[in-house]
């Protein structure tokens, strides 16, 4: 499986699908598509739509 990383355009928080976000109760391996559209950045309150997928090299 290919995991992706997503970055908040406002605060630069990076969500890595492979690592998840245990502090936020998000298990490792949780894909970005599983997040509800109402999800907000835990650091700055930006919406899910304010995240951009990072290029994987």
PDB file of N, CA and C in Angstrom:
ATOM      1  N   UNK A   1       0.841  -1.186   0.000  1.00  0.00           N
ATOM      2  CA  UNK A   1       0.000   0.000   0.000  1.00  0.00           C
ATOM      3  C   UNK A   1       0.887   1.252   0.000  1.00  0.00           C
ATOM      4  N   UNK A   2       0.484   2.232  -0.758  1.00  0.00           N
ATOM      5  CA  UNK A   2       1.201   3.500  -0.799  1.00  0.00           C
ATOM      6  C   UNK A   2       0.520   4.487   0.135  1.00  0.00           C
ATOM      7  N   UNK A   3       1.287   5.006   1.065  1.00  0.00           N
ATOM      8  CA  UNK A   3       0.759   6.000   1.984  1.00  0.00           C
ATOM      9  C   UNK A   3       1.124   7.386   1.478  1.00  0.00           C
ATOM     10  N   UNK A   4       0.269   8.347   1.780  1.00  0.00           N
ATOM     11  CA  UNK A   4       0.494   9.726   1.359  1.00  0.00           C
ATOM     12  C   UNK A   4       0.671  10.612   2.588  1.00  0.00           C
ATOM     13  N   UNK A   5       1.178  11.817   2.337  1.00  0.00           N
ATOM     14  CA  UNK A   5       1.310  12.825   3.394  1.00  0.00           C
ATOM     15  C   UNK A   5       0.546  14.061   2.948  1.00  0.00           C
ATOM     16  N   UNK A   6      -0.090  14.703   3.917  1.00  0.00           N
ATOM     17  CA  UNK A   6      -0.898  15.893   3.658  1.00  0.00           C
ATOM     18  C   UNK A   6      -0.415  17.023   4.545  1.00  0.00           C
ATOM     19  N   UNK A   7      -0.327  18.237   3.997  1.00  0.00           N
ATOM     20  CA  UNK A   7       0.205  19.378   4.735  1.00  0.00           C
ATOM     21  C   UNK A   7      -0.813  20.515   4.789  1.00  0.00           C
ATOM     22  N   UNK A   8      -0.991  21.078   5.983  1.00  0.00           N
ATOM     23  CA  UNK A   8      -1.874  22.230   6.168  1.00  0.00           C
ATOM     24  C   UNK A   8      -1.213  23.449   5.518  1.00  0.00           C
ATOM     25  N   UNK A   9      -1.955  24.157   4.693  1.00  0.00           N
ATOM     26  CA  UNK A   9      -1.416  25.326   4.003  1.00  0.00           C
ATOM     27  C   UNK A   9      -1.199  26.510   4.947  1.00  0.00           C
ATOM     28  N   UNK A  10      -1.789  26.467   6.130  1.00  0.00           N
ATOM     29  CA  UNK A  10      -1.685  27.591   7.057  1.00  0.00           C
ATOM     30  C   UNK A  10      -0.618  27.400   8.130  1.00  0.00           C
ATOM     31  N   UNK A  11      -0.540  26.213   8.720  1.00  0.00           N
ATOM     32  CA  UNK A  11       0.395  26.031   9.833  1.00  0.00           C
ATOM     33  C   UNK A  11       1.473  24.986   9.556  1.00  0.00           C
ATOM     34  N   UNK A  12       1.436  24.363   8.385  1.00  0.00           N
ATOM     35  CA  UNK A  12       2.434  23.367   7.979  1.00  0.00           C
ATOM     36  C   UNK A  12       2.376  22.057   8.764  1.00  0.00           C
ATOM     37  N   UNK A  13       1.300  21.797   9.474  1.00  0.00           N
ATOM     38  CA  UNK A  13       1.127  20.494  10.110  1.00  0.00           C
ATOM     39  C   UNK A  13       1.104  19.444   9.007  1.00  0.00           C
ATOM     40  N   UNK A  14       1.835  18.356   9.204  1.00  0.00           N
ATOM     41  CA  UNK A  14       1.854  17.278   8.217  1.00  0.00           C
ATOM     42  C   UNK A  14       1.168  16.057   8.811  1.00  0.00           C
ATOM     43  N   UNK A  15       0.193  15.521   8.067  1.00  0.00           N
ATOM     44  CA  UNK A  15      -0.440  14.257   8.447  1.00  0.00           C
ATOM     45  C   UNK A  15       0.123  13.176   7.541  1.00  0.00           C
ATOM     46  N   UNK A  16       0.729  12.175   8.139  1.00  0.00           N
ATOM     47  CA  UNK A  16       1.311  11.044   7.432  1.00  0.00           C
ATOM     48  C   UNK A  16       0.383   9.855   7.624  1.00  0.00           C
ATOM     49  N   UNK A  17      -0.198   9.368   6.530  1.00  0.00           N
ATOM     50  CA  UNK A  17      -1.150   8.257   6.630  1.00  0.00           C
ATOM     51  C   UNK A  17      -0.523   7.026   7.278  1.00  0.00           C
ATOM     52  N   UNK A  18       0.748   6.778   7.015  1.00  0.00           N
ATOM     53  CA  UNK A  18       1.414   5.601   7.569  1.00  0.00           C
ATOM     54  C   UNK A  18       1.514   5.680   9.090  1.00  0.00           C
ATOM     55  N   UNK A  19       1.786   6.878   9.602  1.00  0.00           N
ATOM     56  CA  UNK A  19       1.961   7.049  11.048  1.00  0.00           C
ATOM     57  C   UNK A  19       0.665   7.311  11.792  1.00  0.00           C
ATOM     58  N   UNK A  20      -0.337   7.851  11.103  1.00  0.00           N
ATOM     59  CA  UNK A  20      -1.565   8.260  11.765  1.00  0.00           C
ATOM     60  C   UNK A  20      -1.284   9.439  12.689  1.00  0.00           C
ATOM     61  N   UNK A  21      -2.134   9.612  13.662  1.00  0.00           N
ATOM     62  CA  UNK A  21      -1.938  10.674  14.658  1.00  0.00           C
ATOM     63  C   UNK A  21      -2.486  10.174  15.998  1.00  0.00           C
ATOM     64  N   UNK A  22      -1.713   9.314  16.657  1.00  0.00           N
ATOM     65  CA  UNK A  22      -2.186   8.714  17.905  1.00  0.00           C
ATOM     66  C   UNK A  22      -2.659   9.719  18.948  1.00  0.00           C
ATOM     67  N   UNK A  23      -2.022  10.894  19.011  1.00  0.00           N
ATOM     68  CA  UNK A  23      -2.439  11.912  19.982  1.00  0.00           C
ATOM     69  C   UNK A  23      -3.856  12.403  19.712  1.00  0.00           C
ATOM     70  N   UNK A  24      -4.293  12.293  18.462  1.00  0.00           N
ATOM     71  CA  UNK A  24      -5.638  12.717  18.068  1.00  0.00           C
ATOM     72  C   UNK A  24      -6.595  11.525  17.948  1.00  0.00           C
ATOM     73  N   UNK A  25      -6.124  10.320  18.307  1.00  0.00           N
ATOM     74  CA  UNK A  25      -6.956   9.125  18.232  1.00  0.00           C
ATOM     75  C   UNK A  25      -7.083   8.552  16.831  1.00  0.00           C
ATOM     76  N   UNK A  26      -6.134   8.885  15.945  1.00  0.00           N
ATOM     77  CA  UNK A  26      -6.167   8.396  14.564  1.00  0.00           C
ATOM     78  C   UNK A  26      -5.112   7.310  14.420  1.00  0.00           C
ATOM     79  N   UNK A  27      -5.556   6.096  14.137  1.00  0.00           N
ATOM     80  CA  UNK A  27      -4.671   4.938  14.074  1.00  0.00           C
ATOM     81  C   UNK A  27      -3.726   4.997  12.878  1.00  0.00           C
ATOM     82  N   UNK A  28      -2.520   4.441  13.035  1.00  0.00           N
ATOM     83  CA  UNK A  28      -1.613   4.329  11.890  1.00  0.00           C
ATOM     84  C   UNK A  28      -2.306   3.609  10.731  1.00  0.00           C
ATOM     85  N   UNK A  29      -2.033   4.059   9.516  1.00  0.00           N
ATOM     86  CA  UNK A  29      -2.633   3.458   8.334  1.00  0.00           C
ATOM     87  C   UNK A  29      -3.963   4.061   7.936  1.00  0.00           C
ATOM     88  N   UNK A  30      -4.457   5.049   8.687  1.00  0.00           N
ATOM     89  CA  UNK A  30      -5.736   5.681   8.369  1.00  0.00           C
ATOM     90  C   UNK A  30      -5.568   6.600   7.160  1.00  0.00           C
ATOM     91  N   UNK A  31      -6.265   6.291   6.048  1.00  0.00           N
ATOM     92  CA  UNK A  31      -6.123   7.133   4.857  1.00  0.00           C
ATOM     93  C   UNK A  31      -6.821   8.476   5.022  1.00  0.00           C
ATOM     94  N   UNK A  32      -6.310   9.475   4.336  1.00  0.00           N
ATOM     95  CA  UNK A  32      -6.875  10.823   4.372  1.00  0.00           C
ATOM     96  C   UNK A  32      -8.344  10.807   3.965  1.00  0.00           C
ATOM     97  N   UNK A  33      -8.681   9.953   3.012  1.00  0.00           N
ATOM     98  CA  UNK A  33     -10.061   9.878   2.521  1.00  0.00           C
ATOM     99  C   UNK A  33     -11.043   9.420   3.596  1.00  0.00           C
ATOM    100  N   UNK A  34     -10.539   8.802   4.665  1.00  0.00           N
ATOM    101  CA  UNK A  34     -11.413   8.348   5.752  1.00  0.00           C
ATOM    102  C   UNK A  34     -11.811   9.483   6.690  1.00  0.00           C
ATOM    103  N   UNK A  35     -11.120  10.627   6.593  1.00  0.00           N
ATOM    104  CA  UNK A  35     -11.454  11.767   7.437  1.00  0.00           C
ATOM    105  C   UNK A  35     -12.749  12.400   6.933  1.00  0.00           C
ATOM    106  N   UNK A  36     -13.660  12.769   7.824  1.00  0.00           N
ATOM    107  CA  UNK A  36     -14.879  13.452   7.369  1.00  0.00           C
ATOM    108  C   UNK A  36     -14.552  14.850   6.845  1.00  0.00           C
ATOM    109  N   UNK A  37     -15.374  15.353   5.952  1.00  0.00           N
ATOM    110  CA  UNK A  37     -15.166  16.700   5.403  1.00  0.00           C
ATOM    111  C   UNK A  37     -15.217  17.766   6.486  1.00  0.00           C
ATOM    112  N   UNK A  38     -15.835  17.459   7.608  1.00  0.00           N
ATOM    113  CA  UNK A  38     -15.952  18.418   8.707  1.00  0.00           C
ATOM    114  C   UNK A  38     -14.710  18.438   9.607  1.00  0.00           C
ATOM    115  N   UNK A  39     -13.737  17.575   9.336  1.00  0.00           N
ATOM    116  CA  UNK A  39     -12.519  17.509  10.150  1.00  0.00           C
ATOM    117  C   UNK A  39     -11.762  18.827  10.062  1.00  0.00           C
ATOM    118  N   UNK A  40     -11.156  19.237  11.180  1.00  0.00           N
ATOM    119  CA  UNK A  40     -10.363  20.474  11.191  1.00  0.00           C
ATOM    120  C   UNK A  40      -8.965  20.189  11.729  1.00  0.00           C
ATOM    121  N   UNK A  41      -8.014  21.007  11.323  1.00  0.00           N
ATOM    122  CA  UNK A  41      -6.631  20.884  11.770  1.00  0.00           C
ATOM    123  C   UNK A  41      -6.574  21.074  13.285  1.00  0.00           C
ATOM    124  N   UNK A  42      -5.963  20.134  14.001  1.00  0.00           N
ATOM    125  CA  UNK A  42      -5.900  20.280  15.457  1.00  0.00           C
ATOM    126  C   UNK A  42      -4.974  21.412  15.915  1.00  0.00           C
ATOM    127  N   UNK A  43      -4.092  21.883  15.032  1.00  0.00           N
ATOM    128  CA  UNK A  43      -3.168  22.949  15.428  1.00  0.00           C
ATOM    129  C   UNK A  43      -3.710  24.347  15.161  1.00  0.00           C
ATOM    130  N   UNK A  44      -4.407  24.532  14.022  1.00  0.00           N
ATOM    131  CA  UNK A  44      -4.828  25.902  13.679  1.00  0.00           C
ATOM    132  C   UNK A  44      -6.311  26.040  13.335  1.00  0.00           C
ATOM    133  N   UNK A  45      -7.036  24.933  13.232  1.00  0.00           N
ATOM    134  CA  UNK A  45      -8.467  25.012  12.955  1.00  0.00           C
ATOM    135  C   UNK A  45      -8.825  25.100  11.477  1.00  0.00           C
ATOM    136  N   UNK A  46      -7.831  24.945  10.584  1.00  0.00           N
ATOM    137  CA  UNK A  46      -8.116  24.976   9.143  1.00  0.00           C
ATOM    138  C   UNK A  46      -8.964  23.766   8.759  1.00  0.00           C
ATOM    139  N   UNK A  47      -9.673  23.879   7.661  1.00  0.00           N
ATOM    140  CA  UNK A  47     -10.535  22.784   7.219  1.00  0.00           C
ATOM    141  C   UNK A  47      -9.736  21.720   6.473  1.00  0.00           C
ATOM    142  N   UNK A  48     -10.330  20.555   6.295  1.00  0.00           N
ATOM    143  CA  UNK A  48      -9.698  19.473   5.550  1.00  0.00           C
ATOM    144  C   UNK A  48      -9.319  19.933   4.146  1.00  0.00           C
ATOM    145  N   UNK A  49     -10.120  20.796   3.545  1.00  0.00           N
ATOM    146  CA  UNK A  49      -9.861  21.309   2.213  1.00  0.00           C
ATOM    147  C   UNK A  49      -8.644  22.217   2.139  1.00  0.00           C
ATOM    148  N   UNK A  50      -8.121  22.636   3.291  1.00  0.00           N
ATOM    149  CA  UNK A  50      -6.940  23.497   3.329  1.00  0.00           C
ATOM    150  C   UNK A  50      -5.641  22.697   3.408  1.00  0.00           C
ATOM    151  N   UNK A  51      -5.720  21.372   3.222  1.00  0.00           N
ATOM    152  CA  UNK A  51      -4.552  20.516   3.210  1.00  0.00           C
ATOM    153  C   UNK A  51      -4.227  20.138   1.769  1.00  0.00           C
ATOM    154  N   UNK A  52      -2.939  20.090   1.488  1.00  0.00           N
ATOM    155  CA  UNK A  52      -2.477  19.689   0.149  1.00  0.00           C
ATOM    156  C   UNK A  52      -1.640  18.419   0.273  1.00  0.00           C
ATOM    157  N   UNK A  53      -1.784  17.512  -0.696  1.00  0.00           N
ATOM    158  CA  UNK A  53      -0.980  16.311  -0.698  1.00  0.00           C
ATOM    159  C   UNK A  53       0.463  16.675  -1.057  1.00  0.00           C
ATOM    160  N   UNK A  54       1.402  16.137  -0.295  1.00  0.00           N
ATOM    161  CA  UNK A  54       2.804  16.374  -0.574  1.00  0.00           C
ATOM    162  C   UNK A  54       3.288  15.367  -1.600  1.00  0.00           C
ATOM    163  N   UNK A  55       4.180  15.807  -2.465  1.00  0.00           N
ATOM    164  CA  UNK A  55       4.774  14.916  -3.450  1.00  0.00           C
ATOM    165  C   UNK A  55       5.702  13.938  -2.738  1.00  0.00           C
ATOM    166  N   UNK A  56       5.610  12.693  -3.118  1.00  0.00           N
ATOM    167  CA  UNK A  56       6.487  11.670  -2.536  1.00  0.00           C
ATOM    168  C   UNK A  56       7.570  11.369  -3.548  1.00  0.00           C
ATOM    169  N   UNK A  57       8.826  11.522  -3.150  1.00  0.00           N
ATOM    170  CA  UNK A  57       9.927  11.350  -4.069  1.00  0.00           C
ATOM    171  C   UNK A  57      10.561  10.071  -3.920  1.00  0.00           C
TER     172      UNK A  57
END
